[in-house]
Amino acid sequence: MNAQTSKEIGAAVRSRRKELKVTQKDLALTCGTGLRFIIDLEKGKVTCQIGKVLQVLQALGLRLQITSSSAAAGNGREL
């Protein structure tokens, strides 16, 4: 999935969590975050803390990849 917005990241998190059959509460406990954070993240809240988002992605086996817009067009390099 090529997520470019907070809503798309939230949808990817929710999809993967459900695929793994993990509850929001269990994911929050595993990641050391609050249940409210998981709920907000899955809804695409734009003010979610990036450090916590990265913890959740790692716990779910998801990877964040950053590329420049020129790399997407084939003219740049991947970070």
N, C-alpha and C. Protein backbone atom coordinates (compact mmCIF):
# COMPACT_ATOMS: atom_id res chain seq x y z
N MET A 1 0.85 -1.19 0.00
CA MET A 1 0.00 0.00 0.00
C MET A 1 0.89 1.24 0.00
N ASN A 2 0.51 2.21 -0.74
CA ASN A 2 1.23 3.46 -0.83
C ASN A 2 0.44 4.54 -0.09
N ALA A 3 0.60 4.61 1.23
CA ALA A 3 -0.15 5.57 2.05
C ALA A 3 0.52 6.93 2.01
N GLN A 4 -0.26 7.96 1.69
CA GLN A 4 0.29 9.30 1.61
C GLN A 4 -0.40 10.29 2.54
N THR A 5 -1.45 9.86 3.22
CA THR A 5 -2.15 10.73 4.15
C THR A 5 -2.31 10.01 5.49
N SER A 6 -2.63 10.79 6.51
CA SER A 6 -2.83 10.19 7.82
C SER A 6 -4.02 9.22 7.80
N LYS A 7 -5.03 9.51 7.00
CA LYS A 7 -6.18 8.61 6.89
C LYS A 7 -5.76 7.28 6.25
N GLU A 8 -4.89 7.34 5.24
CA GLU A 8 -4.43 6.12 4.59
C GLU A 8 -3.52 5.29 5.51
N ILE A 9 -2.70 5.97 6.30
CA ILE A 9 -1.87 5.25 7.28
C ILE A 9 -2.77 4.58 8.31
N GLY A 10 -3.76 5.32 8.78
CA GLY A 10 -4.71 4.76 9.75
C GLY A 10 -5.44 3.55 9.19
N ALA A 11 -5.84 3.62 7.94
CA ALA A 11 -6.54 2.50 7.30
C ALA A 11 -5.61 1.29 7.18
N ALA A 12 -4.34 1.53 6.88
CA ALA A 12 -3.37 0.43 6.78
C ALA A 12 -3.16 -0.22 8.13
N VAL A 13 -3.08 0.58 9.18
CA VAL A 13 -2.91 0.06 10.54
C VAL A 13 -4.12 -0.78 10.92
N ARG A 14 -5.30 -0.25 10.68
CA ARG A 14 -6.53 -0.97 11.03
C ARG A 14 -6.63 -2.29 10.26
N SER A 15 -6.34 -2.24 8.98
CA SER A 15 -6.41 -3.44 8.14
C SER A 15 -5.45 -4.52 8.63
N ARG A 16 -4.22 -4.12 8.91
CA ARG A 16 -3.21 -5.08 9.37
C ARG A 16 -3.57 -5.64 10.74
N ARG A 17 -4.05 -4.78 11.64
CA ARG A 17 -4.45 -5.22 12.97
C ARG A 17 -5.56 -6.27 12.88
N LYS A 18 -6.54 -6.00 12.03
CA LYS A 18 -7.64 -6.96 11.87
C LYS A 18 -7.15 -8.25 11.21
N GLU A 19 -6.24 -8.12 10.26
CA GLU A 19 -5.66 -9.30 9.61
C GLU A 19 -4.97 -10.20 10.64
N LEU A 20 -4.32 -9.58 11.62
CA LEU A 20 -3.64 -10.32 12.68
C LEU A 20 -4.57 -10.74 13.81
N LYS A 21 -5.83 -10.32 13.71
CA LYS A 21 -6.85 -10.63 14.73
C LYS A 21 -6.45 -10.12 16.12
N VAL A 22 -5.99 -8.87 16.14
CA VAL A 22 -5.58 -8.21 17.38
C VAL A 22 -6.59 -7.11 17.69
N THR A 23 -6.99 -7.01 18.94
CA THR A 23 -7.91 -5.93 19.33
C THR A 23 -7.14 -4.62 19.47
N GLN A 24 -7.87 -3.53 19.41
CA GLN A 24 -7.24 -2.23 19.62
C GLN A 24 -6.61 -2.17 21.01
N LYS A 25 -7.30 -2.71 21.98
CA LYS A 25 -6.80 -2.70 23.36
C LYS A 25 -5.49 -3.48 23.47
N ASP A 26 -5.45 -4.66 22.87
CA ASP A 26 -4.23 -5.48 22.92
C ASP A 26 -3.08 -4.80 22.18
N LEU A 27 -3.37 -4.15 21.06
CA LEU A 27 -2.33 -3.45 20.33
C LEU A 27 -1.78 -2.29 21.18
N ALA A 28 -2.66 -1.57 21.83
CA ALA A 28 -2.23 -0.47 22.70
C ALA A 28 -1.33 -0.98 23.82
N LEU A 29 -1.71 -2.08 24.44
CA LEU A 29 -0.90 -2.65 25.52
C LEU A 29 0.47 -3.10 25.00
N THR A 30 0.49 -3.73 23.84
CA THR A 30 1.75 -4.21 23.24
C THR A 30 2.68 -3.04 22.93
N CYS A 31 2.12 -1.95 22.47
CA CYS A 31 2.92 -0.80 22.02
C CYS A 31 3.21 0.20 23.14
N GLY A 32 2.60 0.03 24.28
CA GLY A 32 2.80 0.98 25.37
C GLY A 32 2.11 2.31 25.13
N THR A 33 1.02 2.27 24.40
CA THR A 33 0.24 3.48 24.15
C THR A 33 -1.14 3.31 24.78
N GLY A 34 -1.91 4.35 24.75
CA GLY A 34 -3.28 4.25 25.24
C GLY A 34 -4.22 3.78 24.14
N LEU A 35 -5.34 3.24 24.56
CA LEU A 35 -6.36 2.80 23.61
C LEU A 35 -6.81 3.97 22.75
N ARG A 36 -6.96 5.16 23.35
CA ARG A 36 -7.40 6.34 22.61
C ARG A 36 -6.44 6.66 21.47
N PHE A 37 -5.13 6.45 21.69
CA PHE A 37 -4.15 6.71 20.64
C PHE A 37 -4.40 5.80 19.44
N ILE A 38 -4.63 4.52 19.69
CA ILE A 38 -4.87 3.56 18.60
C ILE A 38 -6.13 3.94 17.84
N ILE A 39 -7.16 4.30 18.56
CA ILE A 39 -8.42 4.72 17.93
C ILE A 39 -8.19 5.94 17.05
N ASP A 40 -7.49 6.93 17.59
CA ASP A 40 -7.22 8.16 16.83
C ASP A 40 -6.35 7.87 15.61
N LEU A 41 -5.33 7.04 15.78
CA LEU A 41 -4.44 6.68 14.67
C LEU A 41 -5.23 6.02 13.54
N GLU A 42 -6.07 5.07 13.88
CA GLU A 42 -6.86 4.37 12.86
C GLU A 42 -7.86 5.29 12.18
N LYS A 43 -8.27 6.35 12.85
CA LYS A 43 -9.18 7.32 12.24
C LYS A 43 -8.44 8.35 11.39
N GLY A 44 -7.10 8.32 11.46
CA GLY A 44 -6.32 9.24 10.64
C GLY A 44 -6.08 10.59 11.27
N LYS A 45 -6.12 10.66 12.59
CA LYS A 45 -5.88 11.93 13.27
C LYS A 45 -4.49 12.45 12.90
N VAL A 46 -4.42 13.68 12.43
CA VAL A 46 -3.16 14.23 11.91
C VAL A 46 -2.17 14.61 13.00
N THR A 47 -2.60 14.70 14.24
CA THR A 47 -1.70 15.13 15.30
C THR A 47 -1.11 13.98 16.12
N CYS A 48 -1.27 12.75 15.65
CA CYS A 48 -0.68 11.60 16.37
C CYS A 48 0.84 11.73 16.38
N GLN A 49 1.44 11.41 17.51
CA GLN A 49 2.89 11.51 17.67
C GLN A 49 3.61 10.49 16.79
N ILE A 50 4.58 10.96 16.03
CA ILE A 50 5.27 10.10 15.07
C ILE A 50 5.99 8.95 15.75
N GLY A 51 6.57 9.19 16.91
CA GLY A 51 7.28 8.11 17.62
C GLY A 51 6.35 6.97 17.97
N LYS A 52 5.17 7.30 18.43
CA LYS A 52 4.18 6.28 18.77
C LYS A 52 3.67 5.58 17.51
N VAL A 53 3.48 6.34 16.45
CA VAL A 53 3.04 5.75 15.18
C VAL A 53 4.07 4.71 14.73
N LEU A 54 5.35 5.05 14.81
CA LEU A 54 6.41 4.12 14.40
C LEU A 54 6.41 2.87 15.27
N GLN A 55 6.13 3.00 16.57
CA GLN A 55 6.04 1.84 17.45
C GLN A 55 4.91 0.91 17.00
N VAL A 56 3.78 1.48 16.67
CA VAL A 56 2.63 0.69 16.23
C VAL A 56 2.95 -0.01 14.91
N LEU A 57 3.53 0.72 13.96
CA LEU A 57 3.88 0.12 12.67
C LEU A 57 4.82 -1.06 12.87
N GLN A 58 5.82 -0.88 13.72
CA GLN A 58 6.79 -1.96 13.97
C GLN A 58 6.10 -3.16 14.62
N ALA A 59 5.23 -2.92 15.57
CA ALA A 59 4.53 -4.01 16.25
C ALA A 59 3.66 -4.82 15.28
N LEU A 60 3.14 -4.14 14.26
CA LEU A 60 2.28 -4.81 13.28
C LEU A 60 3.07 -5.39 12.10
N GLY A 61 4.38 -5.18 12.10
CA GLY A 61 5.19 -5.68 11.00
C GLY A 61 5.05 -4.85 9.74
N LEU A 62 4.68 -3.58 9.91
CA LEU A 62 4.57 -2.67 8.77
C LEU A 62 5.83 -1.82 8.69
N ARG A 63 6.16 -1.39 7.49
CA ARG A 63 7.37 -0.60 7.28
C ARG A 63 7.02 0.74 6.64
N LEU A 64 7.65 1.79 7.14
CA LEU A 64 7.47 3.12 6.57
C LEU A 64 8.62 3.38 5.62
N GLN A 65 8.30 3.79 4.42
CA GLN A 65 9.32 4.10 3.42
C GLN A 65 9.10 5.52 2.95
N ILE A 66 10.17 6.30 2.94
CA ILE A 66 10.08 7.70 2.55
C ILE A 66 10.83 7.90 1.24
N THR A 67 10.16 8.51 0.28
CA THR A 67 10.80 8.82 -0.99
C THR A 67 10.52 10.28 -1.33
N SER A 68 11.40 10.86 -2.10
CA SER A 68 11.16 12.24 -2.55
C SER A 68 10.16 12.18 -3.70
N SER A 69 9.49 13.28 -3.95
CA SER A 69 8.52 13.29 -5.04
C SER A 69 9.22 13.10 -6.38
N SER A 70 10.46 13.53 -6.50
CA SER A 70 11.20 13.30 -7.75
C SER A 70 11.58 11.82 -7.89
N ALA A 71 11.78 11.12 -6.75
CA ALA A 71 12.08 9.69 -6.81
C ALA A 71 10.87 8.93 -7.33
N ALA A 72 9.70 9.37 -6.96
CA ALA A 72 8.48 8.73 -7.42
C ALA A 72 8.36 8.84 -8.95
N ALA A 73 8.91 9.93 -9.48
CA ALA A 73 8.88 10.13 -10.92
C ALA A 73 10.08 9.47 -11.61
N GLY A 74 10.96 8.86 -10.79
CA GLY A 74 12.12 8.19 -11.35
C GLY A 74 13.34 9.07 -11.50
N ASN A 75 13.28 10.29 -10.94
CA ASN A 75 14.38 11.23 -11.09
C ASN A 75 15.18 11.45 -9.81
N GLY A 76 14.79 10.82 -8.74
CA GLY A 76 15.47 11.06 -7.46
C GLY A 76 15.91 9.79 -6.81
N ARG A 77 16.25 9.89 -5.57
CA ARG A 77 16.68 8.70 -4.87
C ARG A 77 15.80 8.44 -3.67
N GLU A 78 15.76 7.21 -3.27
CA GLU A 78 14.99 6.80 -2.11
C GLU A 78 15.77 7.11 -0.85
N LEU A 79 15.07 7.51 0.19
CA LEU A 79 15.72 7.78 1.48
C LEU A 79 15.62 6.57 2.36
